[in-house]
Each structure stands twice: as C-alpha cells, then as structure tokens.
ModelCIF file with pLDDT and N, C-alpha, C, O atoms, coordinates in Angstrom:
data_MODEL
#
_entry.id   MODEL 
#
_entity.id                         1 
_entity.type                       polymer 
_entity.pdbx_number_of_molecules   1 
#
_entity_poly.entity_id                      1 
_entity_poly.type                           'polypeptide(L)' 
_entity_poly.nstd_linkage                   no 
_entity_poly.nstd_monomer                   no 
_entity_poly.pdbx_seq_one_letter_code       RAAEKQAALEASLNAEKITLDATKKAGESESETGAAGTGETQKDGQA 
_entity_poly.pdbx_seq_one_letter_code_can   RAAEKQAALEASLNAEKITLDATKKAGESESETGAAGTGETQKDGQA 
_entity_poly.pdbx_strand_id                 A 
#
loop_
_entity_poly_seq.entity_id 
_entity_poly_seq.num 
_entity_poly_seq.mon_id 
_entity_poly_seq.hetero 
1 1  ARG n 
1 2  ALA n 
1 3  ALA n 
1 4  GLU n 
1 5  LYS n 
1 6  GLN n 
1 7  ALA n 
1 8  ALA n 
1 9  LEU n 
1 10 GLU n 
1 11 ALA n 
1 12 SER n 
1 13 LEU n 
1 14 ASN n 
1 15 ALA n 
1 16 GLU n 
1 17 LYS n 
1 18 ILE n 
1 19 THR n 
1 20 LEU n 
1 21 ASP n 
1 22 ALA n 
1 23 THR n 
1 24 LYS n 
1 25 LYS n 
1 26 ALA n 
1 27 GLY n 
1 28 GLU n 
1 29 SER n 
1 30 GLU n 
1 31 SER n 
1 32 GLU n 
1 33 THR n 
1 34 GLY n 
1 35 ALA n 
1 36 ALA n 
1 37 GLY n 
1 38 THR n 
1 39 GLY n 
1 40 GLU n 
1 41 THR n 
1 42 GLN n 
1 43 LYS n 
1 44 ASP n 
1 45 GLY n 
1 46 GLN n 
1 47 ALA n 
#
_struct_asym.id          A 
_struct_asym.entity_id   1 
#
loop_
_ma_qa_metric.id 
_ma_qa_metric.mode 
_ma_qa_metric.name 
_ma_qa_metric.software_group_id 
_ma_qa_metric.type 
1 global pLDDT . pLDDT 
2 local  pLDDT . pLDDT 
#
_ma_qa_metric_global.metric_id      1 
_ma_qa_metric_global.metric_value   51.57 
_ma_qa_metric_global.model_id       1 
_ma_qa_metric_global.ordinal_id     1 
#
loop_
_ma_qa_metric_local.label_asym_id 
_ma_qa_metric_local.label_comp_id 
_ma_qa_metric_local.label_seq_id 
_ma_qa_metric_local.metric_id 
_ma_qa_metric_local.metric_value 
_ma_qa_metric_local.model_id 
_ma_qa_metric_local.ordinal_id 
A ARG 1  2 86.00 1 1  
A ALA 2  2 81.00 1 2  
A ALA 3  2 82.00 1 3  
A GLU 4  2 83.00 1 4  
A LYS 5  2 78.00 1 5  
A GLN 6  2 76.00 1 6  
A ALA 7  2 78.00 1 7  
A ALA 8  2 76.00 1 8  
A LEU 9  2 75.00 1 9  
A GLU 10 2 74.00 1 10 
A ALA 11 2 74.00 1 11 
A SER 12 2 70.00 1 12 
A LEU 13 2 72.00 1 13 
A ASN 14 2 70.00 1 14 
A ALA 15 2 65.00 1 15 
A GLU 16 2 57.00 1 16 
A LYS 17 2 57.00 1 17 
A ILE 18 2 44.00 1 18 
A THR 19 2 44.00 1 19 
A LEU 20 2 47.00 1 20 
A ASP 21 2 52.00 1 21 
A ALA 22 2 43.00 1 22 
A THR 23 2 41.00 1 23 
A LYS 24 2 45.00 1 24 
A LYS 25 2 45.00 1 25 
A ALA 26 2 44.00 1 26 
A GLY 27 2 46.00 1 27 
A GLU 28 2 48.00 1 28 
A SER 29 2 45.00 1 29 
A GLU 30 2 45.00 1 30 
A SER 31 2 44.00 1 31 
A GLU 32 2 45.00 1 32 
A THR 33 2 42.00 1 33 
A GLY 34 2 41.00 1 34 
A ALA 35 2 38.00 1 35 
A ALA 36 2 37.00 1 36 
A GLY 37 2 36.00 1 37 
A THR 38 2 32.00 1 38 
A GLY 39 2 32.00 1 39 
A GLU 40 2 31.00 1 40 
A THR 41 2 28.00 1 41 
A GLN 42 2 29.00 1 42 
A LYS 43 2 29.00 1 43 
A ASP 44 2 31.00 1 44 
A GLY 45 2 29.00 1 45 
A GLN 46 2 28.00 1 46 
A ALA 47 2 29.00 1 47 
#
loop_
_atom_site.group_PDB 
_atom_site.id 
_atom_site.type_symbol 
_atom_site.label_atom_id 
_atom_site.label_alt_id 
_atom_site.label_comp_id 
_atom_site.label_asym_id 
_atom_site.label_entity_id 
_atom_site.label_seq_id 
_atom_site.pdbx_PDB_ins_code 
_atom_site.Cartn_x 
_atom_site.Cartn_y 
_atom_site.Cartn_z 
_atom_site.occupancy 
_atom_site.B_iso_or_equiv 
_atom_site.pdbx_formal_charge 
_atom_site.auth_seq_id 
_atom_site.auth_comp_id 
_atom_site.auth_asym_id 
_atom_site.auth_atom_id 
_atom_site.pdbx_PDB_model_num 
ATOM 1   N N  . ARG A 1 1  ? 26.803 35.163 0.340   1.00 86.00 ? 1  ARG A N  1 
ATOM 2   C CA . ARG A 1 1  ? 28.505 36.088 0.830   1.00 86.00 ? 1  ARG A CA 1 
ATOM 3   C C  . ARG A 1 1  ? 29.554 35.185 0.147   1.00 86.00 ? 1  ARG A C  1 
ATOM 4   O O  . ARG A 1 1  ? 30.684 35.493 -0.229  1.00 86.00 ? 1  ARG A O  1 
ATOM 5   N N  . ALA A 1 2  ? 28.408 33.045 0.017   1.00 81.00 ? 2  ALA A N  1 
ATOM 6   C CA . ALA A 1 2  ? 29.377 31.999 -0.950  1.00 81.00 ? 2  ALA A CA 1 
ATOM 7   C C  . ALA A 1 2  ? 29.706 32.839 -2.286  1.00 81.00 ? 2  ALA A C  1 
ATOM 8   O O  . ALA A 1 2  ? 30.846 33.142 -2.638  1.00 81.00 ? 2  ALA A O  1 
ATOM 9   N N  . ALA A 1 3  ? 28.719 33.112 -2.857  1.00 82.00 ? 3  ALA A N  1 
ATOM 10  C CA . ALA A 1 3  ? 29.068 34.075 -4.510  1.00 82.00 ? 3  ALA A CA 1 
ATOM 11  C C  . ALA A 1 3  ? 29.808 35.194 -3.874  1.00 82.00 ? 3  ALA A C  1 
ATOM 12  O O  . ALA A 1 3  ? 30.887 34.873 -3.376  1.00 82.00 ? 3  ALA A O  1 
ATOM 13  N N  . GLU A 1 4  ? 29.528 36.181 -3.804  1.00 83.00 ? 4  GLU A N  1 
ATOM 14  C CA . GLU A 1 4  ? 31.081 37.027 -3.707  1.00 83.00 ? 4  GLU A CA 1 
ATOM 15  C C  . GLU A 1 4  ? 31.971 36.381 -2.868  1.00 83.00 ? 4  GLU A C  1 
ATOM 16  O O  . GLU A 1 4  ? 33.087 36.838 -3.115  1.00 83.00 ? 4  GLU A O  1 
ATOM 17  N N  . LYS A 1 5  ? 32.044 35.314 -1.760  1.00 78.00 ? 5  LYS A N  1 
ATOM 18  C CA . LYS A 1 5  ? 33.553 34.889 -1.861  1.00 78.00 ? 5  LYS A CA 1 
ATOM 19  C C  . LYS A 1 5  ? 34.042 33.985 -2.782  1.00 78.00 ? 5  LYS A C  1 
ATOM 20  O O  . LYS A 1 5  ? 34.966 33.448 -2.170  1.00 78.00 ? 5  LYS A O  1 
ATOM 21  N N  . GLN A 1 6  ? 33.992 33.542 -3.767  1.00 76.00 ? 6  GLN A N  1 
ATOM 22  C CA . GLN A 1 6  ? 33.938 32.999 -4.803  1.00 76.00 ? 6  GLN A CA 1 
ATOM 23  C C  . GLN A 1 6  ? 34.538 33.837 -5.982  1.00 76.00 ? 6  GLN A C  1 
ATOM 24  O O  . GLN A 1 6  ? 35.572 33.449 -6.526  1.00 76.00 ? 6  GLN A O  1 
ATOM 25  N N  . ALA A 1 7  ? 33.943 34.907 -6.357  1.00 78.00 ? 7  ALA A N  1 
ATOM 26  C CA . ALA A 1 7  ? 34.281 35.902 -7.443  1.00 78.00 ? 7  ALA A CA 1 
ATOM 27  C C  . ALA A 1 7  ? 35.474 36.513 -6.831  1.00 78.00 ? 7  ALA A C  1 
ATOM 28  O O  . ALA A 1 7  ? 35.614 37.531 -7.508  1.00 78.00 ? 7  ALA A O  1 
ATOM 29  N N  . ALA A 1 8  ? 36.249 36.501 -6.110  1.00 76.00 ? 8  ALA A N  1 
ATOM 30  C CA . ALA A 1 8  ? 36.660 36.727 -5.391  1.00 76.00 ? 8  ALA A CA 1 
ATOM 31  C C  . ALA A 1 8  ? 37.909 35.707 -5.158  1.00 76.00 ? 8  ALA A C  1 
ATOM 32  O O  . ALA A 1 8  ? 39.004 36.215 -4.917  1.00 76.00 ? 8  ALA A O  1 
ATOM 33  N N  . LEU A 1 9  ? 37.828 34.738 -5.199  1.00 75.00 ? 9  LEU A N  1 
ATOM 34  C CA . LEU A 1 9  ? 39.086 33.648 -4.648  1.00 75.00 ? 9  LEU A CA 1 
ATOM 35  C C  . LEU A 1 9  ? 38.434 33.759 -6.652  1.00 75.00 ? 9  LEU A C  1 
ATOM 36  O O  . LEU A 1 9  ? 37.863 34.840 -6.799  1.00 75.00 ? 9  LEU A O  1 
ATOM 37  N N  . GLU A 1 10 ? 38.439 33.339 -7.321  1.00 74.00 ? 10 GLU A N  1 
ATOM 38  C CA . GLU A 1 10 ? 38.398 33.578 -9.321  1.00 74.00 ? 10 GLU A CA 1 
ATOM 39  C C  . GLU A 1 10 ? 38.646 34.699 -9.594  1.00 74.00 ? 10 GLU A C  1 
ATOM 40  O O  . GLU A 1 10 ? 38.204 35.006 -10.701 1.00 74.00 ? 10 GLU A O  1 
ATOM 41  N N  . ALA A 1 11 ? 39.249 35.605 -8.999  1.00 74.00 ? 11 ALA A N  1 
ATOM 42  C CA . ALA A 1 11 ? 39.204 36.807 -9.471  1.00 74.00 ? 11 ALA A CA 1 
ATOM 43  C C  . ALA A 1 11 ? 40.501 36.493 -8.914  1.00 74.00 ? 11 ALA A C  1 
ATOM 44  O O  . ALA A 1 11 ? 41.330 36.525 -9.824  1.00 74.00 ? 11 ALA A O  1 
ATOM 45  N N  . SER A 1 12 ? 41.325 36.037 -7.162  1.00 70.00 ? 12 SER A N  1 
ATOM 46  C CA . SER A 1 12 ? 42.773 35.983 -7.003  1.00 70.00 ? 12 SER A CA 1 
ATOM 47  C C  . SER A 1 12 ? 43.042 35.290 -7.375  1.00 70.00 ? 12 SER A C  1 
ATOM 48  O O  . SER A 1 12 ? 43.884 35.818 -8.100  1.00 70.00 ? 12 SER A O  1 
ATOM 49  N N  . LEU A 1 13 ? 43.139 33.610 -7.743  1.00 72.00 ? 13 LEU A N  1 
ATOM 50  C CA . LEU A 1 13 ? 43.504 32.761 -8.645  1.00 72.00 ? 13 LEU A CA 1 
ATOM 51  C C  . LEU A 1 13 ? 43.914 33.074 -10.329 1.00 72.00 ? 13 LEU A C  1 
ATOM 52  O O  . LEU A 1 13 ? 44.825 32.690 -11.063 1.00 72.00 ? 13 LEU A O  1 
ATOM 53  N N  . ASN A 1 14 ? 42.679 34.016 -10.503 1.00 70.00 ? 14 ASN A N  1 
ATOM 54  C CA . ASN A 1 14 ? 43.802 34.562 -12.094 1.00 70.00 ? 14 ASN A CA 1 
ATOM 55  C C  . ASN A 1 14 ? 44.882 35.631 -12.043 1.00 70.00 ? 14 ASN A C  1 
ATOM 56  O O  . ASN A 1 14 ? 45.937 35.708 -12.673 1.00 70.00 ? 14 ASN A O  1 
ATOM 57  N N  . ALA A 1 15 ? 44.299 36.511 -11.045 1.00 65.00 ? 15 ALA A N  1 
ATOM 58  C CA . ALA A 1 15 ? 44.977 37.229 -10.853 1.00 65.00 ? 15 ALA A CA 1 
ATOM 59  C C  . ALA A 1 15 ? 46.791 36.874 -10.742 1.00 65.00 ? 15 ALA A C  1 
ATOM 60  O O  . ALA A 1 15 ? 47.753 37.376 -11.323 1.00 65.00 ? 15 ALA A O  1 
ATOM 61  N N  . GLU A 1 16 ? 46.633 35.420 -9.376  1.00 57.00 ? 16 GLU A N  1 
ATOM 62  C CA . GLU A 1 16 ? 47.746 35.363 -9.389  1.00 57.00 ? 16 GLU A CA 1 
ATOM 63  C C  . GLU A 1 16 ? 48.686 34.269 -10.384 1.00 57.00 ? 16 GLU A C  1 
ATOM 64  O O  . GLU A 1 16 ? 49.908 34.154 -10.283 1.00 57.00 ? 16 GLU A O  1 
ATOM 65  N N  . LYS A 1 17 ? 48.048 33.705 -11.102 1.00 57.00 ? 17 LYS A N  1 
ATOM 66  C CA . LYS A 1 17 ? 48.667 33.144 -12.140 1.00 57.00 ? 17 LYS A CA 1 
ATOM 67  C C  . LYS A 1 17 ? 49.061 33.969 -13.575 1.00 57.00 ? 17 LYS A C  1 
ATOM 68  O O  . LYS A 1 17 ? 50.011 33.597 -14.263 1.00 57.00 ? 17 LYS A O  1 
ATOM 69  N N  . ILE A 1 18 ? 48.327 34.981 -13.894 1.00 44.00 ? 18 ILE A N  1 
ATOM 70  C CA . ILE A 1 18 ? 49.332 36.035 -14.973 1.00 44.00 ? 18 ILE A CA 1 
ATOM 71  C C  . ILE A 1 18 ? 50.422 36.657 -13.884 1.00 44.00 ? 18 ILE A C  1 
ATOM 72  O O  . ILE A 1 18 ? 51.281 37.336 -14.447 1.00 44.00 ? 18 ILE A O  1 
ATOM 73  N N  . THR A 1 19 ? 50.565 36.564 -12.440 1.00 44.00 ? 19 THR A N  1 
ATOM 74  C CA . THR A 1 19 ? 51.896 36.817 -12.055 1.00 44.00 ? 19 THR A CA 1 
ATOM 75  C C  . THR A 1 19 ? 52.776 36.055 -12.122 1.00 44.00 ? 19 THR A C  1 
ATOM 76  O O  . THR A 1 19 ? 53.737 36.133 -12.887 1.00 44.00 ? 19 THR A O  1 
ATOM 77  N N  . LEU A 1 20 ? 52.485 34.922 -11.046 1.00 47.00 ? 20 LEU A N  1 
ATOM 78  C CA . LEU A 1 20 ? 53.308 33.495 -12.177 1.00 47.00 ? 20 LEU A CA 1 
ATOM 79  C C  . LEU A 1 20 ? 54.496 34.536 -13.587 1.00 47.00 ? 20 LEU A C  1 
ATOM 80  O O  . LEU A 1 20 ? 55.476 35.257 -13.770 1.00 47.00 ? 20 LEU A O  1 
ATOM 81  N N  . ASP A 1 21 ? 53.159 33.684 -14.283 1.00 52.00 ? 21 ASP A N  1 
ATOM 82  C CA . ASP A 1 21 ? 53.642 33.995 -16.010 1.00 52.00 ? 21 ASP A CA 1 
ATOM 83  C C  . ASP A 1 21 ? 55.042 34.893 -15.981 1.00 52.00 ? 21 ASP A C  1 
ATOM 84  O O  . ASP A 1 21 ? 56.203 34.569 -16.233 1.00 52.00 ? 21 ASP A O  1 
ATOM 85  N N  . ALA A 1 22 ? 54.293 36.496 -15.461 1.00 43.00 ? 22 ALA A N  1 
ATOM 86  C CA . ALA A 1 22 ? 54.909 37.087 -16.127 1.00 43.00 ? 22 ALA A CA 1 
ATOM 87  C C  . ALA A 1 22 ? 55.811 37.265 -15.242 1.00 43.00 ? 22 ALA A C  1 
ATOM 88  O O  . ALA A 1 22 ? 56.510 38.233 -15.543 1.00 43.00 ? 22 ALA A O  1 
ATOM 89  N N  . THR A 1 23 ? 56.284 36.504 -13.761 1.00 41.00 ? 23 THR A N  1 
ATOM 90  C CA . THR A 1 23 ? 57.923 36.538 -13.282 1.00 41.00 ? 23 THR A CA 1 
ATOM 91  C C  . THR A 1 23 ? 59.147 35.519 -13.983 1.00 41.00 ? 23 THR A C  1 
ATOM 92  O O  . THR A 1 23 ? 60.369 35.398 -13.899 1.00 41.00 ? 23 THR A O  1 
ATOM 93  N N  . LYS A 1 24 ? 58.009 34.875 -14.722 1.00 45.00 ? 24 LYS A N  1 
ATOM 94  C CA . LYS A 1 24 ? 58.446 33.658 -15.421 1.00 45.00 ? 24 LYS A CA 1 
ATOM 95  C C  . LYS A 1 24 ? 58.677 34.208 -16.674 1.00 45.00 ? 24 LYS A C  1 
ATOM 96  O O  . LYS A 1 24 ? 59.534 33.543 -17.257 1.00 45.00 ? 24 LYS A O  1 
ATOM 97  N N  . LYS A 1 25 ? 58.324 35.026 -17.251 1.00 45.00 ? 25 LYS A N  1 
ATOM 98  C CA . LYS A 1 25 ? 58.290 35.576 -18.214 1.00 45.00 ? 25 LYS A CA 1 
ATOM 99  C C  . LYS A 1 25 ? 60.069 35.608 -18.344 1.00 45.00 ? 25 LYS A C  1 
ATOM 100 O O  . LYS A 1 25 ? 60.983 34.842 -18.649 1.00 45.00 ? 25 LYS A O  1 
ATOM 101 N N  . ALA A 1 26 ? 59.882 36.922 -17.929 1.00 44.00 ? 26 ALA A N  1 
ATOM 102 C CA . ALA A 1 26 ? 60.751 37.798 -17.261 1.00 44.00 ? 26 ALA A CA 1 
ATOM 103 C C  . ALA A 1 26 ? 62.202 36.848 -16.890 1.00 44.00 ? 26 ALA A C  1 
ATOM 104 O O  . ALA A 1 26 ? 63.090 37.692 -17.013 1.00 44.00 ? 26 ALA A O  1 
ATOM 105 N N  . GLY A 1 27 ? 62.744 35.790 -16.579 1.00 46.00 ? 27 GLY A N  1 
ATOM 106 C CA . GLY A 1 27 ? 63.482 34.737 -16.367 1.00 46.00 ? 27 GLY A CA 1 
ATOM 107 C C  . GLY A 1 27 ? 63.896 34.751 -17.947 1.00 46.00 ? 27 GLY A C  1 
ATOM 108 O O  . GLY A 1 27 ? 65.025 35.143 -18.243 1.00 46.00 ? 27 GLY A O  1 
ATOM 109 N N  . GLU A 1 28 ? 63.380 34.510 -18.523 1.00 48.00 ? 28 GLU A N  1 
ATOM 110 C CA . GLU A 1 28 ? 63.293 33.369 -19.505 1.00 48.00 ? 28 GLU A CA 1 
ATOM 111 C C  . GLU A 1 28 ? 63.648 34.395 -21.012 1.00 48.00 ? 28 GLU A C  1 
ATOM 112 O O  . GLU A 1 28 ? 63.903 33.981 -22.143 1.00 48.00 ? 28 GLU A O  1 
ATOM 113 N N  . SER A 1 29 ? 63.545 35.890 -20.506 1.00 45.00 ? 29 SER A N  1 
ATOM 114 C CA . SER A 1 29 ? 63.932 37.267 -21.468 1.00 45.00 ? 29 SER A CA 1 
ATOM 115 C C  . SER A 1 29 ? 65.236 36.979 -20.960 1.00 45.00 ? 29 SER A C  1 
ATOM 116 O O  . SER A 1 29 ? 66.121 36.441 -21.626 1.00 45.00 ? 29 SER A O  1 
ATOM 117 N N  . GLU A 1 30 ? 65.354 37.383 -19.649 1.00 45.00 ? 30 GLU A N  1 
ATOM 118 C CA . GLU A 1 30 ? 67.260 37.586 -19.498 1.00 45.00 ? 30 GLU A CA 1 
ATOM 119 C C  . GLU A 1 30 ? 67.632 36.440 -20.018 1.00 45.00 ? 30 GLU A C  1 
ATOM 120 O O  . GLU A 1 30 ? 68.446 36.307 -20.932 1.00 45.00 ? 30 GLU A O  1 
ATOM 121 N N  . SER A 1 31 ? 66.951 35.440 -19.356 1.00 44.00 ? 31 SER A N  1 
ATOM 122 C CA . SER A 1 31 ? 68.485 34.316 -20.368 1.00 44.00 ? 31 SER A CA 1 
ATOM 123 C C  . SER A 1 31 ? 68.019 34.040 -21.923 1.00 44.00 ? 31 SER A C  1 
ATOM 124 O O  . SER A 1 31 ? 68.261 32.912 -22.352 1.00 44.00 ? 31 SER A O  1 
ATOM 125 N N  . GLU A 1 32 ? 67.462 34.843 -22.675 1.00 45.00 ? 32 GLU A N  1 
ATOM 126 C CA . GLU A 1 32 ? 68.073 34.920 -23.944 1.00 45.00 ? 32 GLU A CA 1 
ATOM 127 C C  . GLU A 1 32 ? 68.800 36.133 -24.343 1.00 45.00 ? 32 GLU A C  1 
ATOM 128 O O  . GLU A 1 32 ? 69.381 36.411 -25.392 1.00 45.00 ? 32 GLU A O  1 
ATOM 129 N N  . THR A 1 33 ? 68.553 37.076 -22.772 1.00 42.00 ? 33 THR A N  1 
ATOM 130 C CA . THR A 1 33 ? 70.025 37.787 -23.784 1.00 42.00 ? 33 THR A CA 1 
ATOM 131 C C  . THR A 1 33 ? 70.999 38.235 -23.301 1.00 42.00 ? 33 THR A C  1 
ATOM 132 O O  . THR A 1 33 ? 71.613 39.299 -23.392 1.00 42.00 ? 33 THR A O  1 
ATOM 133 N N  . GLY A 1 34 ? 71.190 36.578 -22.322 1.00 41.00 ? 34 GLY A N  1 
ATOM 134 C CA . GLY A 1 34 ? 72.728 36.721 -21.880 1.00 41.00 ? 34 GLY A CA 1 
ATOM 135 C C  . GLY A 1 34 ? 72.838 37.476 -20.491 1.00 41.00 ? 34 GLY A C  1 
ATOM 136 O O  . GLY A 1 34 ? 73.799 37.693 -19.753 1.00 41.00 ? 34 GLY A O  1 
ATOM 137 N N  . ALA A 1 35 ? 71.238 37.855 -20.398 1.00 38.00 ? 35 ALA A N  1 
ATOM 138 C CA . ALA A 1 35 ? 72.255 37.890 -18.614 1.00 38.00 ? 35 ALA A CA 1 
ATOM 139 C C  . ALA A 1 35 ? 72.941 37.275 -17.228 1.00 38.00 ? 35 ALA A C  1 
ATOM 140 O O  . ALA A 1 35 ? 72.996 36.138 -16.759 1.00 38.00 ? 35 ALA A O  1 
ATOM 141 N N  . ALA A 1 36 ? 73.274 38.146 -16.938 1.00 37.00 ? 36 ALA A N  1 
ATOM 142 C CA . ALA A 1 36 ? 74.226 37.323 -15.840 1.00 37.00 ? 36 ALA A CA 1 
ATOM 143 C C  . ALA A 1 36 ? 73.100 36.555 -14.990 1.00 37.00 ? 36 ALA A C  1 
ATOM 144 O O  . ALA A 1 36 ? 71.932 36.911 -14.834 1.00 37.00 ? 36 ALA A O  1 
ATOM 145 N N  . GLY A 1 37 ? 73.786 35.331 -14.444 1.00 36.00 ? 37 GLY A N  1 
ATOM 146 C CA . GLY A 1 37 ? 73.192 34.524 -13.618 1.00 36.00 ? 37 GLY A CA 1 
ATOM 147 C C  . GLY A 1 37 ? 71.237 33.527 -15.084 1.00 36.00 ? 37 GLY A C  1 
ATOM 148 O O  . GLY A 1 37 ? 70.033 33.272 -15.095 1.00 36.00 ? 37 GLY A O  1 
ATOM 149 N N  . THR A 1 38 ? 72.346 33.480 -15.771 1.00 32.00 ? 38 THR A N  1 
ATOM 150 C CA . THR A 1 38 ? 71.113 32.961 -16.581 1.00 32.00 ? 38 THR A CA 1 
ATOM 151 C C  . THR A 1 38 ? 70.762 31.575 -17.164 1.00 32.00 ? 38 THR A C  1 
ATOM 152 O O  . THR A 1 38 ? 69.908 31.110 -17.918 1.00 32.00 ? 38 THR A O  1 
ATOM 153 N N  . GLY A 1 39 ? 71.985 31.069 -16.352 1.00 32.00 ? 39 GLY A N  1 
ATOM 154 C CA . GLY A 1 39 ? 71.116 29.283 -15.922 1.00 32.00 ? 39 GLY A CA 1 
ATOM 155 C C  . GLY A 1 39 ? 70.512 29.816 -14.388 1.00 32.00 ? 39 GLY A C  1 
ATOM 156 O O  . GLY A 1 39 ? 69.374 30.210 -14.643 1.00 32.00 ? 39 GLY A O  1 
ATOM 157 N N  . GLU A 1 40 ? 70.604 29.882 -13.865 1.00 31.00 ? 40 GLU A N  1 
ATOM 158 C CA . GLU A 1 40 ? 70.006 29.721 -12.266 1.00 31.00 ? 40 GLU A CA 1 
ATOM 159 C C  . GLU A 1 40 ? 68.635 30.555 -12.748 1.00 31.00 ? 40 GLU A C  1 
ATOM 160 O O  . GLU A 1 40 ? 67.654 30.205 -12.092 1.00 31.00 ? 40 GLU A O  1 
ATOM 161 N N  . THR A 1 41 ? 68.434 31.290 -13.469 1.00 28.00 ? 41 THR A N  1 
ATOM 162 C CA . THR A 1 41 ? 67.407 32.392 -13.241 1.00 28.00 ? 41 THR A CA 1 
ATOM 163 C C  . THR A 1 41 ? 66.246 31.532 -14.340 1.00 28.00 ? 41 THR A C  1 
ATOM 164 O O  . THR A 1 41 ? 65.267 31.206 -13.668 1.00 28.00 ? 41 THR A O  1 
ATOM 165 N N  . GLN A 1 42 ? 66.099 31.092 -15.808 1.00 29.00 ? 42 GLN A N  1 
ATOM 166 C CA . GLN A 1 42 ? 65.724 29.538 -15.651 1.00 29.00 ? 42 GLN A CA 1 
ATOM 167 C C  . GLN A 1 42 ? 65.245 29.246 -15.016 1.00 29.00 ? 42 GLN A C  1 
ATOM 168 O O  . GLN A 1 42 ? 64.234 29.795 -14.578 1.00 29.00 ? 42 GLN A O  1 
ATOM 169 N N  . LYS A 1 43 ? 65.741 28.206 -14.633 1.00 29.00 ? 43 LYS A N  1 
ATOM 170 C CA . LYS A 1 43 ? 65.428 26.798 -13.501 1.00 29.00 ? 43 LYS A CA 1 
ATOM 171 C C  . LYS A 1 43 ? 65.391 27.411 -12.451 1.00 29.00 ? 43 LYS A C  1 
ATOM 172 O O  . LYS A 1 43 ? 65.963 27.046 -11.424 1.00 29.00 ? 43 LYS A O  1 
ATOM 173 N N  . ASP A 1 44 ? 64.631 28.546 -12.586 1.00 31.00 ? 44 ASP A N  1 
ATOM 174 C CA . ASP A 1 44 ? 63.791 29.520 -11.038 1.00 31.00 ? 44 ASP A CA 1 
ATOM 175 C C  . ASP A 1 44 ? 62.979 29.817 -11.799 1.00 31.00 ? 44 ASP A C  1 
ATOM 176 O O  . ASP A 1 44 ? 62.054 30.358 -11.193 1.00 31.00 ? 44 ASP A O  1 
ATOM 177 N N  . GLY A 1 45 ? 62.727 29.738 -13.278 1.00 29.00 ? 45 GLY A N  1 
ATOM 178 C CA . GLY A 1 45 ? 61.340 29.912 -13.304 1.00 29.00 ? 45 GLY A CA 1 
ATOM 179 C C  . GLY A 1 45 ? 60.261 29.237 -13.812 1.00 29.00 ? 45 GLY A C  1 
ATOM 180 O O  . GLY A 1 45 ? 59.032 29.284 -13.867 1.00 29.00 ? 45 GLY A O  1 
ATOM 181 N N  . GLN A 1 46 ? 61.486 28.398 -14.265 1.00 28.00 ? 46 GLN A N  1 
ATOM 182 C CA . GLN A 1 46 ? 60.541 27.282 -14.661 1.00 28.00 ? 46 GLN A CA 1 
ATOM 183 C C  . GLN A 1 46 ? 60.129 26.305 -13.467 1.00 28.00 ? 46 GLN A C  1 
ATOM 184 O O  . GLN A 1 46 ? 59.107 25.654 -13.680 1.00 28.00 ? 46 GLN A O  1 
ATOM 185 N N  . ALA A 1 47 ? 60.811 26.091 -12.161 1.00 29.00 ? 47 ALA A N  1 
ATOM 186 C CA . ALA A 1 47 ? 60.140 25.418 -10.727 1.00 29.00 ? 47 ALA A CA 1 
ATOM 187 C C  . ALA A 1 47 ? 59.170 26.047 -10.176 1.00 29.00 ? 47 ALA A C  1 
ATOM 188 O O  . ALA A 1 47 ? 58.654 25.608 -9.148  1.00 29.00 ? 47 ALA A O  1 
#
C-alpha cells in the first residue's frame, strides 16, 4: 500500500509541476507578444 501511495504521490508531484510550468510559460508568451495586462501576467506567472 505504501508503494502504491508513493507511486501515485510521485506522479502527482511531477504532474502538478508540469502544470505550473505550462501556466507560467503561457503568461510569459503573452508578455512577449504584447498582450493586454502584460506586466501583471508576467508577475503572476513568476509568483
């Protein structure tokens, strides 16, 4: 049970990190293309 829980936890940790990266990169992309709210979006992405 501990092994199963650990495997699920590890997958969850990595999946969550990828999601954060994707959100951050999307914010940076908007910043580079001059989208509305540029400064705020980039700051939120970094935070």
